[in-house]
Amino acid sequence: MSTLAQRTFQHPWFLAAYERFVYGPFLSAFALRPVSYRTVYRSLREMAAGAGGTGDVGPGGSDGRPRTGGRIVDLGCGTGWYSRRMSADPHYRGLPVVGLDLSEQAIDVARRKAASRAGAGDPDGSPQFSVGDAGRAAQLLGPGAEEVWICGALHQMGHADRVLQQAGAILDPGGVLLCQTFGRRSARRSVVVRVLEHFGHRVFPIGEVRQMAESAGLRFEAIRVWGIVMLVTMIKPRR
């Protein structure tokens, strides 16, 4: 059964307003600081560089890690802001960007936004979007991902552990998972946490995320917590 948050994400009026009026203010309220798409994107890229990811530079990354030449996968992509941003980022030039989301309505919006930018001559228009369950990503997309992004989605998924397993399955060895979700350092469930849970958002204890990562064959690397907004990077070790 879908949660209230998931059902809300089916409404056209909500999806039309989401990127401009919902995402940033919603996260900022729980981060206790101003947060936007760009804040999260920039922070995760910095964390990936520090954790052994490709970072903020040209071919091979600032840390010298050679690219695998794989895809960039955006699981639970929603209306596609991160997919479009990565597609336009010179850092990812030449790498296909693929967004996957369970909501047909969200994917419709993502496709229209990407097509609109491409039609206007904006390079921010080349990601490919598909409807599908992130819990079946390996079956739907196959292996060969250099990076997997899961932003604003894991805490709404009733099978978060399976999604991380799937992310681990599609990542190349040495690949990086970059995630923005809700997390808490304390074992105590505050009133704010209980309210979010009532509306279908999980607020993960950090230890639980670490355990899920290890079970998925991923090495838990870097973490930042703003209020209860958690950014985390994980790496699939090379054999």
Protein backbone atom coordinates (compact mmCIF):
# COMPACT_ATOMS: atom_id res chain seq x y z
CA MET A 1 0.00 0.00 0.00
CA SER A 2 1.37 3.41 -0.94
CA THR A 3 2.09 6.08 1.66
CA LEU A 4 0.56 9.55 1.75
CA ALA A 5 3.83 10.99 0.45
CA GLN A 6 3.82 8.57 -2.49
CA ARG A 7 0.18 9.29 -3.31
CA THR A 8 0.82 13.04 -3.22
CA PHE A 9 3.58 12.54 -5.79
CA GLN A 10 0.97 11.36 -8.30
CA HIS A 11 -0.86 14.70 -8.46
CA PRO A 12 -0.03 16.89 -11.48
CA TRP A 13 -0.33 20.13 -9.48
CA PHE A 14 2.18 18.88 -6.91
CA LEU A 15 4.64 17.66 -9.53
CA ALA A 16 4.41 20.94 -11.43
CA ALA A 17 5.37 22.86 -8.27
CA TYR A 18 7.79 20.36 -6.78
CA GLU A 19 11.17 21.52 -8.07
CA ARG A 20 10.54 25.23 -7.65
CA PHE A 21 8.43 25.41 -4.50
CA VAL A 22 8.60 22.14 -2.56
CA TYR A 23 11.97 20.37 -2.51
CA GLY A 24 14.18 23.16 -1.16
CA PRO A 25 11.79 24.57 1.49
CA PHE A 26 10.88 21.06 2.64
CA LEU A 27 14.51 20.01 3.14
CA SER A 28 15.47 23.35 4.65
CA ALA A 29 12.83 22.95 7.36
CA PHE A 30 14.38 19.67 8.50
CA ALA A 31 18.02 20.59 7.84
CA LEU A 32 17.70 23.73 10.01
CA ARG A 33 19.58 25.63 7.32
CA PRO A 34 18.93 26.75 3.72
CA VAL A 35 19.13 23.74 1.39
CA SER A 36 18.45 23.50 -2.34
CA TYR A 37 19.01 21.02 -5.13
CA ARG A 38 22.31 22.72 -5.86
CA THR A 39 23.39 22.54 -2.21
CA VAL A 40 22.83 18.79 -2.13
CA TYR A 41 24.39 18.22 -5.55
CA ARG A 42 27.52 20.21 -4.76
CA SER A 43 27.92 18.62 -1.33
CA LEU A 44 27.57 15.06 -2.60
CA ARG A 45 30.07 15.72 -5.37
CA GLU A 46 32.55 17.07 -2.81
CA MET A 47 31.98 14.05 -0.58
CA ALA A 48 32.46 11.65 -3.48
CA ALA A 49 35.78 13.27 -4.29
CA GLY A 50 36.94 12.94 -0.70
CA ALA A 51 35.72 9.36 -0.44
CA GLY A 52 37.49 8.21 -3.58
CA GLY A 53 34.87 9.19 -6.11
CA THR A 54 35.35 11.13 -9.32
CA GLY A 55 34.99 14.54 -7.72
CA ASP A 56 34.77 17.96 -9.32
CA VAL A 57 37.27 17.85 -12.15
CA GLY A 58 37.96 16.50 -15.59
CA PRO A 59 38.61 12.96 -16.84
CA GLY A 60 39.51 10.60 -14.07
CA GLY A 61 38.52 12.95 -11.26
CA SER A 62 40.61 14.97 -8.85
CA ASP A 63 41.70 11.85 -7.01
CA GLY A 64 42.97 10.24 -10.21
CA ARG A 65 40.42 7.43 -10.13
CA PRO A 66 40.00 6.21 -13.72
CA ARG A 67 36.50 6.36 -15.07
CA THR A 68 34.78 3.08 -15.76
CA GLY A 69 32.95 4.56 -18.74
CA GLY A 70 29.68 3.36 -17.26
CA ARG A 71 26.32 5.04 -16.94
CA ILE A 72 25.18 7.49 -14.31
CA VAL A 73 21.96 6.15 -12.77
CA ASP A 74 19.43 8.25 -10.84
CA LEU A 75 17.16 5.91 -8.84
CA GLY A 76 13.89 7.40 -7.64
CA CYS A 77 14.60 10.33 -9.95
CA GLY A 78 11.19 12.00 -9.53
CA THR A 79 10.83 14.93 -11.92
CA GLY A 80 14.45 14.57 -12.99
CA TRP A 81 16.34 17.60 -11.61
CA TYR A 82 19.47 15.60 -10.69
CA SER A 83 19.44 13.68 -13.97
CA ARG A 84 19.21 16.90 -15.96
CA ARG A 85 21.93 18.54 -13.88
CA MET A 86 24.33 15.63 -14.37
CA SER A 87 23.58 15.50 -18.07
CA ALA A 88 24.55 19.17 -18.36
CA ASP A 89 27.62 18.93 -16.10
CA PRO A 90 30.90 18.84 -18.07
CA HIS A 91 32.21 16.45 -15.45
CA TYR A 92 29.91 13.76 -16.85
CA ARG A 93 30.42 14.58 -20.52
CA GLY A 94 30.18 11.46 -22.66
CA LEU A 95 28.47 9.35 -20.00
CA PRO A 96 24.80 8.38 -20.45
CA VAL A 97 22.49 9.47 -17.64
CA VAL A 98 19.48 7.29 -16.85
CA GLY A 99 16.64 8.19 -14.47
CA LEU A 100 14.25 5.58 -13.06
CA ASP A 101 11.11 6.21 -11.02
CA LEU A 102 8.00 4.26 -10.10
CA SER A 103 5.68 7.20 -10.76
CA GLU A 104 4.49 7.45 -14.35
CA GLN A 105 3.33 11.00 -13.70
CA ALA A 106 6.74 12.06 -12.39
CA ILE A 107 8.50 10.49 -15.37
CA ASP A 108 6.13 12.29 -17.74
CA VAL A 109 7.14 15.59 -16.12
CA ALA A 110 10.84 14.63 -16.22
CA ARG A 111 10.65 13.84 -19.92
CA ARG A 112 8.84 17.09 -20.72
CA LYS A 113 11.36 19.16 -18.78
CA ALA A 114 14.29 17.46 -20.49
CA ALA A 115 12.69 17.80 -23.94
CA SER A 116 11.90 21.47 -23.31
CA ARG A 117 15.50 22.26 -22.45
CA ALA A 118 16.84 20.25 -25.36
CA GLY A 119 14.44 22.00 -27.73
CA ALA A 120 15.67 25.36 -26.50
CA GLY A 121 19.24 24.40 -27.34
CA ASP A 122 20.15 23.77 -23.70
CA PRO A 123 22.57 20.83 -23.28
CA ASP A 124 20.59 19.95 -20.17
CA GLY A 125 18.30 17.70 -22.20
CA SER A 126 19.90 14.34 -22.82
CA PRO A 127 19.01 12.09 -19.85
CA GLN A 128 16.83 9.07 -20.55
CA PHE A 129 13.89 8.38 -18.23
CA SER A 130 12.05 5.12 -17.57
CA VAL A 131 9.20 4.03 -15.33
CA GLY A 132 10.24 1.24 -13.00
CA ASP A 133 10.80 0.03 -9.47
CA ALA A 134 14.24 0.85 -8.04
CA GLY A 135 13.96 -2.43 -6.18
CA ARG A 136 14.32 -4.17 -9.56
CA ALA A 137 17.05 -1.91 -10.96
CA ALA A 138 19.44 -4.75 -11.79
CA GLN A 139 16.79 -6.51 -13.86
CA LEU A 140 15.58 -3.32 -15.53
CA LEU A 141 18.92 -1.60 -16.18
CA GLY A 142 21.60 -4.26 -15.94
CA PRO A 143 25.16 -3.69 -14.68
CA GLY A 144 27.60 -1.00 -15.77
CA ALA A 145 26.93 2.05 -13.59
CA GLU A 146 29.81 4.35 -12.65
CA GLU A 147 27.64 6.22 -10.15
CA VAL A 148 24.20 5.67 -8.64
CA TRP A 149 22.35 8.63 -7.15
CA ILE A 150 19.37 8.25 -4.79
CA CYS A 151 18.23 11.70 -3.68
CA GLY A 152 15.02 12.46 -1.81
CA ALA A 153 13.73 8.95 -2.40
CA LEU A 154 15.23 6.25 -0.16
CA HIS A 155 13.23 7.37 2.88
CA GLN A 156 9.99 6.92 0.93
CA MET A 157 10.81 3.37 -0.20
CA GLY A 158 9.39 0.53 1.85
CA HIS A 159 12.20 -1.71 0.63
CA ALA A 160 15.22 0.53 1.14
CA ASP A 161 17.50 -2.41 1.88
CA ARG A 162 16.58 -4.04 -1.44
CA VAL A 163 17.17 -0.78 -3.30
CA LEU A 164 20.69 -0.55 -1.89
CA GLN A 165 21.24 -4.20 -2.85
CA GLN A 166 20.18 -3.32 -6.39
CA ALA A 167 22.42 -0.26 -6.44
CA GLY A 168 25.34 -2.44 -5.41
CA ALA A 169 24.48 -4.92 -8.14
CA ILE A 170 24.49 -2.37 -10.97
CA LEU A 171 27.58 -0.43 -9.82
CA ASP A 172 30.93 -1.21 -11.41
CA PRO A 173 33.75 -2.09 -8.98
CA GLY A 174 35.06 1.23 -7.74
CA GLY A 175 31.71 2.87 -8.46
CA VAL A 176 30.10 5.31 -6.03
CA LEU A 177 26.62 5.59 -4.56
CA LEU A 178 25.57 9.14 -3.58
CA CYS A 179 22.46 9.51 -1.44
CA GLN A 180 20.40 12.22 0.21
CA THR A 181 17.83 10.92 2.67
CA PHE A 182 16.62 11.44 6.25
CA GLY A 183 18.81 10.19 9.09
CA ARG A 184 19.33 10.58 12.82
CA ARG A 185 22.25 10.08 15.14
CA SER A 186 20.06 9.51 18.17
CA ALA A 187 18.18 6.28 18.83
CA ARG A 188 15.34 8.41 20.23
CA ARG A 189 12.47 9.11 17.85
CA SER A 190 11.63 12.77 18.32
CA VAL A 191 8.25 14.34 17.64
CA VAL A 192 9.53 15.57 14.26
CA VAL A 193 10.66 12.05 13.36
CA ARG A 194 7.29 10.62 14.36
CA VAL A 195 5.44 13.18 12.24
CA LEU A 196 7.56 12.37 9.19
CA GLU A 197 6.99 8.66 9.74
CA HIS A 198 3.24 9.28 9.93
CA PHE A 199 3.37 10.73 6.43
CA GLY A 200 5.43 7.85 5.05
CA HIS A 201 8.99 9.12 5.41
CA ARG A 202 11.55 6.98 7.21
CA VAL A 203 14.24 8.66 9.29
CA PHE A 204 17.03 6.09 9.36
CA PRO A 205 19.33 5.58 12.31
CA ILE A 206 22.81 6.02 10.87
CA GLY A 207 23.79 2.57 12.07
CA GLU A 208 20.96 1.03 10.05
CA VAL A 209 22.15 2.72 6.87
CA ARG A 210 25.66 1.48 7.53
CA GLN A 211 24.38 -2.08 7.99
CA MET A 212 22.30 -1.91 4.81
CA ALA A 213 25.34 -0.67 2.90
CA GLU A 214 27.51 -3.51 4.14
CA SER A 215 24.82 -6.07 3.30
CA ALA A 216 24.71 -4.63 -0.22
CA GLY A 217 28.47 -5.05 -0.63
CA LEU A 218 29.09 -1.32 -0.34
CA ARG A 219 31.67 0.43 1.82
CA PHE A 220 30.16 3.23 3.88
CA GLU A 221 32.44 6.21 3.27
CA ALA A 222 31.43 9.80 4.03
CA ILE A 223 28.46 11.30 5.85
CA ARG A 224 27.06 14.75 6.56
CA VAL A 225 24.00 15.36 8.71
CA TRP A 226 22.15 18.67 8.75
CA GLY A 227 19.36 18.40 11.31
CA ILE A 228 17.80 15.16 10.12
CA VAL A 229 18.82 15.56 6.46
CA MET A 230 21.56 13.05 5.78
CA LEU A 231 24.02 12.94 2.87
CA VAL A 232 26.06 9.78 2.48
CA THR A 233 28.45 8.27 -0.04
CA MET A 234 29.28 4.59 -0.43
CA ILE A 235 31.76 2.77 -2.66
CA LYS A 236 31.63 -0.66 -4.24
CA PRO A 237 35.12 -2.01 -3.49
CA ARG A 238 37.33 -3.22 -6.28
CA ARG A 239 38.06 -6.91 -6.10
